[in-house]
Amino acid sequence: APAKEREFVVAINWSGSSTYSTNSIKDL
């Protein structure tokens, strides 16, 4: 975001079988 540091949102493994996200966006 403007004037903010880059932040992690979500990641996915090579096959798509596993993901990881921050709690704030997990359901969105």
mmCIF file of all heavy atoms, coordinates in Angstrom:
data_MODEL
# 
_entry.id   MODEL 
# 
loop_
_atom_site.group_PDB 
_atom_site.id 
_atom_site.type_symbol 
_atom_site.label_atom_id 
_atom_site.label_alt_id 
_atom_site.label_comp_id 
_atom_site.label_asym_id 
_atom_site.label_entity_id 
_atom_site.label_seq_id 
_atom_site.pdbx_PDB_ins_code 
_atom_site.Cartn_x 
_atom_site.Cartn_y 
_atom_site.Cartn_z 
_atom_site.occupancy 
_atom_site.B_iso_or_equiv 
_atom_site.pdbx_formal_charge 
_atom_site.auth_seq_id 
_atom_site.auth_comp_id 
_atom_site.auth_asym_id 
_atom_site.auth_atom_id 
_atom_site.pdbx_PDB_model_num 
ATOM 1   N N   . ALA A 1 1  ? 0.842   -1.187  0.000  1.00 0.00 ? 1  ALA A N   1 
ATOM 2   C CA  . ALA A 1 1  ? 0.000   0.000   0.000  1.00 0.00 ? 1  ALA A CA  1 
ATOM 3   C C   . ALA A 1 1  ? 0.882   1.243   0.000  1.00 0.00 ? 1  ALA A C   1 
ATOM 4   O O   . ALA A 1 1  ? 2.055   1.180   0.387  1.00 0.00 ? 1  ALA A O   1 
ATOM 5   C CB  . ALA A 1 1  ? -0.912  -0.016  1.221  1.00 0.00 ? 1  ALA A CB  1 
ATOM 6   N N   . PRO A 1 2  ? 0.341   2.380   -0.415 1.00 0.00 ? 2  PRO A N   1 
ATOM 7   C CA  . PRO A 1 2  ? 1.123   3.617   -0.431 1.00 0.00 ? 2  PRO A CA  1 
ATOM 8   C C   . PRO A 1 2  ? 1.734   3.923   0.935  1.00 0.00 ? 2  PRO A C   1 
ATOM 9   O O   . PRO A 1 2  ? 1.051   3.823   1.957  1.00 0.00 ? 2  PRO A O   1 
ATOM 10  C CB  . PRO A 1 2  ? 0.085   4.672   -0.818 1.00 0.00 ? 2  PRO A CB  1 
ATOM 11  C CG  . PRO A 1 2  ? -0.942  3.924   -1.583 1.00 0.00 ? 2  PRO A CG  1 
ATOM 12  C CD  . PRO A 1 2  ? -1.016  2.568   -0.956 1.00 0.00 ? 2  PRO A CD  1 
ATOM 13  N N   . ALA A 1 3  ? 3.002   4.240   0.930  1.00 0.00 ? 3  ALA A N   1 
ATOM 14  C CA  . ALA A 1 3  ? 3.741   4.621   2.132  1.00 0.00 ? 3  ALA A CA  1 
ATOM 15  C C   . ALA A 1 3  ? 3.830   3.504   3.157  1.00 0.00 ? 3  ALA A C   1 
ATOM 16  O O   . ALA A 1 3  ? 4.101   3.763   4.343  1.00 0.00 ? 3  ALA A O   1 
ATOM 17  C CB  . ALA A 1 3  ? 3.126   5.863   2.769  1.00 0.00 ? 3  ALA A CB  1 
ATOM 18  N N   . LYS A 1 4  ? 3.613   2.266   2.726  1.00 0.00 ? 4  LYS A N   1 
ATOM 19  C CA  . LYS A 1 4  ? 3.723   1.135   3.642  1.00 0.00 ? 4  LYS A CA  1 
ATOM 20  C C   . LYS A 1 4  ? 4.680   0.100   3.075  1.00 0.00 ? 4  LYS A C   1 
ATOM 21  O O   . LYS A 1 4  ? 4.960   0.080   1.877  1.00 0.00 ? 4  LYS A O   1 
ATOM 22  C CB  . LYS A 1 4  ? 2.357   0.501   3.882  1.00 0.00 ? 4  LYS A CB  1 
ATOM 23  C CG  . LYS A 1 4  ? 1.392   1.370   4.665  1.00 0.00 ? 4  LYS A CG  1 
ATOM 24  C CD  . LYS A 1 4  ? 0.140   0.602   5.030  1.00 0.00 ? 4  LYS A CD  1 
ATOM 25  C CE  . LYS A 1 4  ? -0.792  1.445   5.888  1.00 0.00 ? 4  LYS A CE  1 
ATOM 26  N NZ  . LYS A 1 4  ? -2.011  0.692   6.276  1.00 0.00 ? 4  LYS A NZ  1 
ATOM 27  N N   . GLU A 1 5  ? 5.172   -0.760  3.940  1.00 0.00 ? 5  GLU A N   1 
ATOM 28  C CA  . GLU A 1 5  ? 6.055   -1.823  3.495  1.00 0.00 ? 5  GLU A CA  1 
ATOM 29  C C   . GLU A 1 5  ? 5.248   -2.916  2.796  1.00 0.00 ? 5  GLU A C   1 
ATOM 30  O O   . GLU A 1 5  ? 4.064   -3.110  3.069  1.00 0.00 ? 5  GLU A O   1 
ATOM 31  C CB  . GLU A 1 5  ? 6.817   -2.401  4.681  1.00 0.00 ? 5  GLU A CB  1 
ATOM 32  C CG  . GLU A 1 5  ? 7.811   -1.442  5.296  1.00 0.00 ? 5  GLU A CG  1 
ATOM 33  C CD  . GLU A 1 5  ? 8.679   -2.111  6.344  1.00 0.00 ? 5  GLU A CD  1 
ATOM 34  O OE1 . GLU A 1 5  ? 8.433   -3.279  6.658  1.00 0.00 ? 5  GLU A OE1 1 
ATOM 35  O OE2 . GLU A 1 5  ? 9.604   -1.441  6.838  1.00 0.00 ? 5  GLU A OE2 1 
ATOM 36  N N   . ARG A 1 6  ? 5.921   -3.614  1.937  1.00 0.00 ? 6  ARG A N   1 
ATOM 37  C CA  . ARG A 1 6  ? 5.289   -4.748  1.266  1.00 0.00 ? 6  ARG A CA  1 
ATOM 38  C C   . ARG A 1 6  ? 4.941   -5.818  2.291  1.00 0.00 ? 6  ARG A C   1 
ATOM 39  O O   . ARG A 1 6  ? 5.749   -6.106  3.190  1.00 0.00 ? 6  ARG A O   1 
ATOM 40  C CB  . ARG A 1 6  ? 6.224   -5.298  0.200  1.00 0.00 ? 6  ARG A CB  1 
ATOM 41  C CG  . ARG A 1 6  ? 5.633   -6.389  -0.668 1.00 0.00 ? 6  ARG A CG  1 
ATOM 42  C CD  . ARG A 1 6  ? 6.504   -6.613  -1.882 1.00 0.00 ? 6  ARG A CD  1 
ATOM 43  N NE  . ARG A 1 6  ? 7.878   -6.899  -1.521 1.00 0.00 ? 6  ARG A NE  1 
ATOM 44  C CZ  . ARG A 1 6  ? 8.881   -6.911  -2.395 1.00 0.00 ? 6  ARG A CZ  1 
ATOM 45  N NH1 . ARG A 1 6  ? 8.656   -6.636  -3.661 1.00 0.00 ? 6  ARG A NH1 1 
ATOM 46  N NH2 . ARG A 1 6  ? 10.102  -7.208  -1.995 1.00 0.00 ? 6  ARG A NH2 1 
ATOM 47  N N   . GLU A 1 7  ? 3.770   -6.413  2.173  1.00 0.00 ? 7  GLU A N   1 
ATOM 48  C CA  . GLU A 1 7  ? 3.347   -7.409  3.146  1.00 0.00 ? 7  GLU A CA  1 
ATOM 49  C C   . GLU A 1 7  ? 2.868   -8.672  2.455  1.00 0.00 ? 7  GLU A C   1 
ATOM 50  O O   . GLU A 1 7  ? 2.307   -8.652  1.352  1.00 0.00 ? 7  GLU A O   1 
ATOM 51  C CB  . GLU A 1 7  ? 2.239   -6.854  4.048  1.00 0.00 ? 7  GLU A CB  1 
ATOM 52  C CG  . GLU A 1 7  ? 0.933   -6.563  3.341  1.00 0.00 ? 7  GLU A CG  1 
ATOM 53  C CD  . GLU A 1 7  ? -0.194  -6.206  4.303  1.00 0.00 ? 7  GLU A CD  1 
ATOM 54  O OE1 . GLU A 1 7  ? -0.035  -6.381  5.530  1.00 0.00 ? 7  GLU A OE1 1 
ATOM 55  O OE2 . GLU A 1 7  ? -1.261  -5.774  3.818  1.00 0.00 ? 7  GLU A OE2 1 
ATOM 56  N N   . PHE A 1 8  ? 3.078   -9.775  3.136  1.00 0.00 ? 8  PHE A N   1 
ATOM 57  C CA  . PHE A 1 8  ? 2.638   -11.077 2.661  1.00 0.00 ? 8  PHE A CA  1 
ATOM 58  C C   . PHE A 1 8  ? 1.127   -11.185 2.739  1.00 0.00 ? 8  PHE A C   1 
ATOM 59  O O   . PHE A 1 8  ? 0.505   -10.715 3.690  1.00 0.00 ? 8  PHE A O   1 
ATOM 60  C CB  . PHE A 1 8  ? 3.284   -12.166 3.516  1.00 0.00 ? 8  PHE A CB  1 
ATOM 61  C CG  . PHE A 1 8  ? 2.717   -13.544 3.298  1.00 0.00 ? 8  PHE A CG  1 
ATOM 62  C CD1 . PHE A 1 8  ? 3.076   -14.282 2.191  1.00 0.00 ? 8  PHE A CD1 1 
ATOM 63  C CD2 . PHE A 1 8  ? 1.836   -14.093 4.218  1.00 0.00 ? 8  PHE A CD2 1 
ATOM 64  C CE1 . PHE A 1 8  ? 2.562   -15.559 1.996  1.00 0.00 ? 8  PHE A CE1 1 
ATOM 65  C CE2 . PHE A 1 8  ? 1.316   -15.354 4.040  1.00 0.00 ? 8  PHE A CE2 1 
ATOM 66  C CZ  . PHE A 1 8  ? 1.676   -16.101 2.921  1.00 0.00 ? 8  PHE A CZ  1 
ATOM 67  N N   . VAL A 1 9  ? 0.548   -11.844 1.722  1.00 0.00 ? 9  VAL A N   1 
ATOM 68  C CA  . VAL A 1 9  ? -0.890  -12.076 1.721  1.00 0.00 ? 9  VAL A CA  1 
ATOM 69  C C   . VAL A 1 9  ? -1.197  -13.569 1.829  1.00 0.00 ? 9  VAL A C   1 
ATOM 70  O O   . VAL A 1 9  ? -1.872  -14.016 2.748  1.00 0.00 ? 9  VAL A O   1 
ATOM 71  C CB  . VAL A 1 9  ? -1.544  -11.493 0.453  1.00 0.00 ? 9  VAL A CB  1 
ATOM 72  C CG1 . VAL A 1 9  ? -3.037  -11.825 0.416  1.00 0.00 ? 9  VAL A CG1 1 
ATOM 73  C CG2 . VAL A 1 9  ? -1.336  -9.985  0.382  1.00 0.00 ? 9  VAL A CG2 1 
ATOM 74  N N   . VAL A 1 10 ? -0.680  -14.341 0.873  1.00 0.00 ? 10 VAL A N   1 
ATOM 75  C CA  . VAL A 1 10 ? -1.014  -15.764 0.841  1.00 0.00 ? 10 VAL A CA  1 
ATOM 76  C C   . VAL A 1 10 ? -0.006  -16.479 -0.042 1.00 0.00 ? 10 VAL A C   1 
ATOM 77  O O   . VAL A 1 10 ? 0.605   -15.866 -0.925 1.00 0.00 ? 10 VAL A O   1 
ATOM 78  C CB  . VAL A 1 10 ? -2.464  -15.964 0.318  1.00 0.00 ? 10 VAL A CB  1 
ATOM 79  C CG1 . VAL A 1 10 ? -2.601  -15.471 -1.112 1.00 0.00 ? 10 VAL A CG1 1 
ATOM 80  C CG2 . VAL A 1 10 ? -2.923  -17.404 0.449  1.00 0.00 ? 10 VAL A CG2 1 
ATOM 81  N N   . ALA A 1 11 ? 0.204   -17.774 0.209  1.00 0.00 ? 11 ALA A N   1 
ATOM 82  C CA  . ALA A 1 11 ? 1.102   -18.580 -0.606 1.00 0.00 ? 11 ALA A CA  1 
ATOM 83  C C   . ALA A 1 11 ? 0.468   -19.943 -0.894 1.00 0.00 ? 11 ALA A C   1 
ATOM 84  O O   . ALA A 1 11 ? -0.423  -20.389 -0.161 1.00 0.00 ? 11 ALA A O   1 
ATOM 85  C CB  . ALA A 1 11 ? 2.449   -18.764 0.088  1.00 0.00 ? 11 ALA A CB  1 
ATOM 86  N N   . ILE A 1 12 ? 0.970   -20.587 -1.942 1.00 0.00 ? 12 ILE A N   1 
ATOM 87  C CA  . ILE A 1 12 ? 0.439   -21.886 -2.358 1.00 0.00 ? 12 ILE A CA  1 
ATOM 88  C C   . ILE A 1 12 ? 1.595   -22.782 -2.753 1.00 0.00 ? 12 ILE A C   1 
ATOM 89  O O   . ILE A 1 12 ? 2.588   -22.306 -3.312 1.00 0.00 ? 12 ILE A O   1 
ATOM 90  C CB  . ILE A 1 12 ? -0.572  -21.692 -3.523 1.00 0.00 ? 12 ILE A CB  1 
ATOM 91  C CG1 . ILE A 1 12 ? -1.324  -22.989 -3.829 1.00 0.00 ? 12 ILE A CG1 1 
ATOM 92  C CG2 . ILE A 1 12 ? 0.119   -21.133 -4.767 1.00 0.00 ? 12 ILE A CG2 1 
ATOM 93  C CD1 . ILE A 1 12 ? -2.518  -22.767 -4.767 1.00 0.00 ? 12 ILE A CD1 1 
ATOM 94  N N   . ASN A 1 13 ? 1.472   -24.076 -2.475 1.00 0.00 ? 13 ASN A N   1 
ATOM 95  C CA  . ASN A 1 13 ? 2.558   -24.978 -2.831 1.00 0.00 ? 13 ASN A CA  1 
ATOM 96  C C   . ASN A 1 13 ? 2.505   -25.309 -4.325 1.00 0.00 ? 13 ASN A C   1 
ATOM 97  O O   . ASN A 1 13 ? 1.609   -24.887 -5.055 1.00 0.00 ? 13 ASN A O   1 
ATOM 98  C CB  . ASN A 1 13 ? 2.527   -26.237 -1.966 1.00 0.00 ? 13 ASN A CB  1 
ATOM 99  C CG  . ASN A 1 13 ? 1.378   -27.177 -2.311 1.00 0.00 ? 13 ASN A CG  1 
ATOM 100 O OD1 . ASN A 1 13 ? 0.372   -26.761 -2.897 1.00 0.00 ? 13 ASN A OD1 1 
ATOM 101 N ND2 . ASN A 1 13 ? 1.531   -28.436 -1.956 1.00 0.00 ? 13 ASN A ND2 1 
ATOM 102 N N   . TRP A 1 14 ? 3.433   -26.131 -4.773 1.00 0.00 ? 14 TRP A N   1 
ATOM 103 C CA  . TRP A 1 14 ? 3.587   -26.373 -6.201 1.00 0.00 ? 14 TRP A CA  1 
ATOM 104 C C   . TRP A 1 14 ? 2.361   -27.018 -6.835 1.00 0.00 ? 14 TRP A C   1 
ATOM 105 O O   . TRP A 1 14 ? 2.027   -26.741 -7.979 1.00 0.00 ? 14 TRP A O   1 
ATOM 106 C CB  . TRP A 1 14 ? 4.808   -27.269 -6.451 1.00 0.00 ? 14 TRP A CB  1 
ATOM 107 C CG  . TRP A 1 14 ? 4.648   -28.659 -5.925 1.00 0.00 ? 14 TRP A CG  1 
ATOM 108 C CD1 . TRP A 1 14 ? 4.918   -29.098 -4.663 1.00 0.00 ? 14 TRP A CD1 1 
ATOM 109 C CD2 . TRP A 1 14 ? 4.125   -29.795 -6.621 1.00 0.00 ? 14 TRP A CD2 1 
ATOM 110 N NE1 . TRP A 1 14 ? 4.599   -30.421 -4.532 1.00 0.00 ? 14 TRP A NE1 1 
ATOM 111 C CE2 . TRP A 1 14 ? 4.123   -30.885 -5.727 1.00 0.00 ? 14 TRP A CE2 1 
ATOM 112 C CE3 . TRP A 1 14 ? 3.673   -30.003 -7.924 1.00 0.00 ? 14 TRP A CE3 1 
ATOM 113 C CZ2 . TRP A 1 14 ? 3.684   -32.148 -6.087 1.00 0.00 ? 14 TRP A CZ2 1 
ATOM 114 C CZ3 . TRP A 1 14 ? 3.235   -31.266 -8.299 1.00 0.00 ? 14 TRP A CZ3 1 
ATOM 115 C CH2 . TRP A 1 14 ? 3.237   -32.316 -7.378 1.00 0.00 ? 14 TRP A CH2 1 
ATOM 116 N N   . SER A 1 15 ? 1.669   -27.867 -6.093 1.00 0.00 ? 15 SER A N   1 
ATOM 117 C CA  . SER A 1 15 ? 0.545   -28.597 -6.669 1.00 0.00 ? 15 SER A CA  1 
ATOM 118 C C   . SER A 1 15 ? -0.797  -27.908 -6.437 1.00 0.00 ? 15 SER A C   1 
ATOM 119 O O   . SER A 1 15 ? -1.796  -28.270 -7.065 1.00 0.00 ? 15 SER A O   1 
ATOM 120 C CB  . SER A 1 15 ? 0.481   -29.998 -6.070 1.00 0.00 ? 15 SER A CB  1 
ATOM 121 O OG  . SER A 1 15 ? 0.124   -29.933 -4.700 1.00 0.00 ? 15 SER A OG  1 
ATOM 122 N N   . GLY A 1 16 ? -0.821  -26.969 -5.514 1.00 0.00 ? 16 GLY A N   1 
ATOM 123 C CA  . GLY A 1 16 ? -2.086  -26.335 -5.164 1.00 0.00 ? 16 GLY A CA  1 
ATOM 124 C C   . GLY A 1 16 ? -2.818  -27.014 -4.031 1.00 0.00 ? 16 GLY A C   1 
ATOM 125 O O   . GLY A 1 16 ? -3.916  -26.606 -3.673 1.00 0.00 ? 16 GLY A O   1 
ATOM 126 N N   . SER A 1 17 ? -2.215  -28.021 -3.438 1.00 0.00 ? 17 SER A N   1 
ATOM 127 C CA  . SER A 1 17 ? -2.872  -28.789 -2.385 1.00 0.00 ? 17 SER A CA  1 
ATOM 128 C C   . SER A 1 17 ? -2.747  -28.142 -1.008 1.00 0.00 ? 17 SER A C   1 
ATOM 129 O O   . SER A 1 17 ? -3.447  -28.536 -0.067 1.00 0.00 ? 17 SER A O   1 
ATOM 130 C CB  . SER A 1 17 ? -2.292  -30.201 -2.322 1.00 0.00 ? 17 SER A CB  1 
ATOM 131 O OG  . SER A 1 17 ? -0.916  -30.150 -1.980 1.00 0.00 ? 17 SER A OG  1 
ATOM 132 N N   . SER A 1 18 ? -1.868  -27.165 -0.873 1.00 0.00 ? 18 SER A N   1 
ATOM 133 C CA  . SER A 1 18 ? -1.629  -26.535 0.416  1.00 0.00 ? 18 SER A CA  1 
ATOM 134 C C   . SER A 1 18 ? -1.465  -25.036 0.243  1.00 0.00 ? 18 SER A C   1 
ATOM 135 O O   . SER A 1 18 ? -0.781  -24.586 -0.677 1.00 0.00 ? 18 SER A O   1 
ATOM 136 C CB  . SER A 1 18 ? -0.376  -27.120 1.064  1.00 0.00 ? 18 SER A CB  1 
ATOM 137 O OG  . SER A 1 18 ? -0.109  -26.503 2.299  1.00 0.00 ? 18 SER A OG  1 
ATOM 138 N N   . THR A 1 19 ? -2.105  -24.290 1.129  1.00 0.00 ? 19 THR A N   1 
ATOM 139 C CA  . THR A 1 19 ? -1.974  -22.834 1.101  1.00 0.00 ? 19 THR A CA  1 
ATOM 140 C C   . THR A 1 19 ? -1.714  -22.323 2.513  1.00 0.00 ? 19 THR A C   1 
ATOM 141 O O   . THR A 1 19 ? -1.930  -23.042 3.503  1.00 0.00 ? 19 THR A O   1 
ATOM 142 C CB  . THR A 1 19 ? -3.232  -22.154 0.541  1.00 0.00 ? 19 THR A CB  1 
ATOM 143 O OG1 . THR A 1 19 ? -4.336  -22.405 1.417  1.00 0.00 ? 19 THR A OG1 1 
ATOM 144 C CG2 . THR A 1 19 ? -3.565  -22.665 -0.854 1.00 0.00 ? 19 THR A CG2 1 
ATOM 145 N N   . TYR A 1 20 ? -1.263  -21.102 2.582  1.00 0.00 ? 20 TYR A N   1 
ATOM 146 C CA  . TYR A 1 20 ? -1.028  -20.455 3.873  1.00 0.00 ? 20 TYR A CA  1 
ATOM 147 C C   . TYR A 1 20 ? -1.305  -18.976 3.713  1.00 0.00 ? 20 TYR A C   1 
ATOM 148 O O   . TYR A 1 20 ? -0.865  -18.353 2.745  1.00 0.00 ? 20 TYR A O   1 
ATOM 149 C CB  . TYR A 1 20 ? 0.410   -20.665 4.332  1.00 0.00 ? 20 TYR A CB  1 
ATOM 150 C CG  . TYR A 1 20 ? 0.718   -20.030 5.656  1.00 0.00 ? 20 TYR A CG  1 
ATOM 151 C CD1 . TYR A 1 20 ? 0.389   -20.667 6.845  1.00 0.00 ? 20 TYR A CD1 1 
ATOM 152 C CD2 . TYR A 1 20 ? 1.336   -18.788 5.715  1.00 0.00 ? 20 TYR A CD2 1 
ATOM 153 C CE1 . TYR A 1 20 ? 0.675   -20.081 8.067  1.00 0.00 ? 20 TYR A CE1 1 
ATOM 154 C CE2 . TYR A 1 20 ? 1.618   -18.195 6.934  1.00 0.00 ? 20 TYR A CE2 1 
ATOM 155 C CZ  . TYR A 1 20 ? 1.289   -18.841 8.108  1.00 0.00 ? 20 TYR A CZ  1 
ATOM 156 O OH  . TYR A 1 20 ? 1.555   -18.253 9.314  1.00 0.00 ? 20 TYR A OH  1 
ATOM 157 N N   . SER A 1 21 ? -2.042  -18.413 4.663  1.00 0.00 ? 21 SER A N   1 
ATOM 158 C CA  . SER A 1 21 ? -2.358  -16.991 4.547  1.00 0.00 ? 21 SER A CA  1 
ATOM 159 C C   . SER A 1 21 ? -2.362  -16.344 5.919  1.00 0.00 ? 21 SER A C   1 
ATOM 160 O O   . SER A 1 21 ? -2.362  -17.027 6.954  1.00 0.00 ? 21 SER A O   1 
ATOM 161 C CB  . SER A 1 21 ? -3.726  -16.812 3.888  1.00 0.00 ? 21 SER A CB  1 
ATOM 162 O OG  . SER A 1 21 ? -4.737  -17.445 4.651  1.00 0.00 ? 21 SER A OG  1 
ATOM 163 N N   . THR A 1 22 ? -2.382  -15.042 5.912  1.00 0.00 ? 22 THR A N   1 
ATOM 164 C CA  . THR A 1 22 ? -2.504  -14.324 7.172  1.00 0.00 ? 22 THR A CA  1 
ATOM 165 C C   . THR A 1 22 ? -3.919  -14.474 7.703  1.00 0.00 ? 22 THR A C   1 
ATOM 166 O O   . THR A 1 22 ? -4.868  -14.669 6.935  1.00 0.00 ? 22 THR A O   1 
ATOM 167 C CB  . THR A 1 22 ? -2.196  -12.835 6.969  1.00 0.00 ? 22 THR A CB  1 
ATOM 168 O OG1 . THR A 1 22 ? -3.140  -12.305 6.030  1.00 0.00 ? 22 THR A OG1 1 
ATOM 169 C CG2 . THR A 1 22 ? -0.792  -12.633 6.447  1.00 0.00 ? 22 THR A CG2 1 
ATOM 170 N N   . ASN A 1 23 ? -4.051  -14.377 9.022  1.00 0.00 ? 23 ASN A N   1 
ATOM 171 C CA  . ASN A 1 23 ? -5.368  -14.567 9.627  1.00 0.00 ? 23 ASN A CA  1 
ATOM 172 C C   . ASN A 1 23 ? -6.374  -13.529 9.146  1.00 0.00 ? 23 ASN A C   1 
ATOM 173 O O   . ASN A 1 23 ? -7.553  -13.811 9.020  1.00 0.00 ? 23 ASN A O   1 
ATOM 174 C CB  . ASN A 1 23 ? -5.253  -14.508 11.149 1.00 0.00 ? 23 ASN A CB  1 
ATOM 175 C CG  . ASN A 1 23 ? -4.593  -15.744 11.713 1.00 0.00 ? 23 ASN A CG  1 
ATOM 176 O OD1 . ASN A 1 23 ? -4.689  -16.829 11.138 1.00 0.00 ? 23 ASN A OD1 1 
ATOM 177 N ND2 . ASN A 1 23 ? -3.915  -15.588 12.837 1.00 0.00 ? 23 ASN A ND2 1 
ATOM 178 N N   . SER A 1 24 ? -5.871  -12.344 8.856  1.00 0.00 ? 24 SER A N   1 
ATOM 179 C CA  . SER A 1 24 ? -6.791  -11.260 8.510  1.00 0.00 ? 24 SER A CA  1 
ATOM 180 C C   . SER A 1 24 ? -7.507  -11.483 7.194  1.00 0.00 ? 24 SER A C   1 
ATOM 181 O O   . SER A 1 24 ? -8.585  -10.957 6.973  1.00 0.00 ? 24 SER A O   1 
ATOM 182 C CB  . SER A 1 24 ? -6.036  -9.931  8.484  1.00 0.00 ? 24 SER A CB  1 
ATOM 183 O OG  . SER A 1 24 ? -5.046  -9.966  7.481  1.00 0.00 ? 24 SER A OG  1 
ATOM 184 N N   . ILE A 1 25 ? -6.916  -12.246 6.303  1.00 0.00 ? 25 ILE A N   1 
ATOM 185 C CA  . ILE A 1 25 ? -7.535  -12.415 4.983  1.00 0.00 ? 25 ILE A CA  1 
ATOM 186 C C   . ILE A 1 25 ? -7.973  -13.848 4.720  1.00 0.00 ? 25 ILE A C   1 
ATOM 187 O O   . ILE A 1 25 ? -8.486  -14.131 3.651  1.00 0.00 ? 25 ILE A O   1 
ATOM 188 C CB  . ILE A 1 25 ? -6.599  -11.939 3.862  1.00 0.00 ? 25 ILE A CB  1 
ATOM 189 C CG1 . ILE A 1 25 ? -5.353  -12.810 3.796  1.00 0.00 ? 25 ILE A CG1 1 
ATOM 190 C CG2 . ILE A 1 25 ? -6.205  -10.497 4.043  1.00 0.00 ? 25 ILE A CG2 1 
ATOM 191 C CD1 . ILE A 1 25 ? -5.410  -13.867 2.722  1.00 0.00 ? 25 ILE A CD1 1 
ATOM 192 N N   . LYS A 1 26 ? -7.788  -14.706 5.685  1.00 0.00 ? 26 LYS A N   1 
ATOM 193 C CA  . LYS A 1 26 ? -7.972  -16.139 5.467  1.00 0.00 ? 26 LYS A CA  1 
ATOM 194 C C   . LYS A 1 26 ? -9.329  -16.473 4.863  1.00 0.00 ? 26 LYS A C   1 
ATOM 195 O O   . LYS A 1 26 ? -9.454  -17.339 4.015  1.00 0.00 ? 26 LYS A O   1 
ATOM 196 C CB  . LYS A 1 26 ? -7.773  -16.884 6.779  1.00 0.00 ? 26 LYS A CB  1 
ATOM 197 C CG  . LYS A 1 26 ? -7.765  -18.407 6.636  1.00 0.00 ? 26 LYS A CG  1 
ATOM 198 C CD  . LYS A 1 26 ? -7.323  -19.069 7.916  1.00 0.00 ? 26 LYS A CD  1 
ATOM 199 C CE  . LYS A 1 26 ? -5.863  -18.793 8.182  1.00 0.00 ? 26 LYS A CE  1 
ATOM 200 N NZ  . LYS A 1 26 ? -5.365  -19.548 9.367  1.00 0.00 ? 26 LYS A NZ  1 
ATOM 201 N N   . ASP A 1 27 ? -10.363 -15.845 5.309  1.00 0.00 ? 27 ASP A N   1 
ATOM 202 C CA  . ASP A 1 27 ? -11.705 -16.188 4.824  1.00 0.00 ? 27 ASP A CA  1 
ATOM 203 C C   . ASP A 1 27 ? -12.171 -15.294 3.684  1.00 0.00 ? 27 ASP A C   1 
ATOM 204 O O   . ASP A 1 27 ? -13.281 -15.461 3.193  1.00 0.00 ? 27 ASP A O   1 
ATOM 205 C CB  . ASP A 1 27 ? -12.713 -16.093 5.968  1.00 0.00 ? 27 ASP A CB  1 
ATOM 206 C CG  . ASP A 1 27 ? -12.430 -17.086 7.073  1.00 0.00 ? 27 ASP A CG  1 
ATOM 207 O OD1 . ASP A 1 27 ? -11.994 -18.208 6.765  1.00 0.00 ? 27 ASP A OD1 1 
ATOM 208 O OD2 . ASP A 1 27 ? -12.625 -16.733 8.248  1.00 0.00 ? 27 ASP A OD2 1 
ATOM 209 N N   . LEU A 1 28 ? -11.322 -14.371 3.271  1.00 0.00 ? 28 LEU A N   1 
ATOM 210 C CA  . LEU A 1 28 ? -11.734 -13.407 2.260  1.00 0.00 ? 28 LEU A CA  1 
ATOM 211 C C   . LEU A 1 28 ? -11.000 -13.589 0.938  1.00 0.00 ? 28 LEU A C   1 
ATOM 212 O O   . LEU A 1 28 ? -11.571 -13.362 -0.123 1.00 0.00 ? 28 LEU A O   1 
ATOM 213 C CB  . LEU A 1 28 ? -11.496 -11.989 2.779  1.00 0.00 ? 28 LEU A CB  1 
ATOM 214 C CG  . LEU A 1 28 ? -12.248 -11.616 4.054  1.00 0.00 ? 28 LEU A CG  1 
ATOM 215 C CD1 . LEU A 1 28 ? -11.854 -10.223 4.512  1.00 0.00 ? 28 LEU A CD1 1 
ATOM 216 C CD2 . LEU A 1 28 ? -13.749 -11.702 3.850  1.00 0.00 ? 28 LEU A CD2 1 
# 
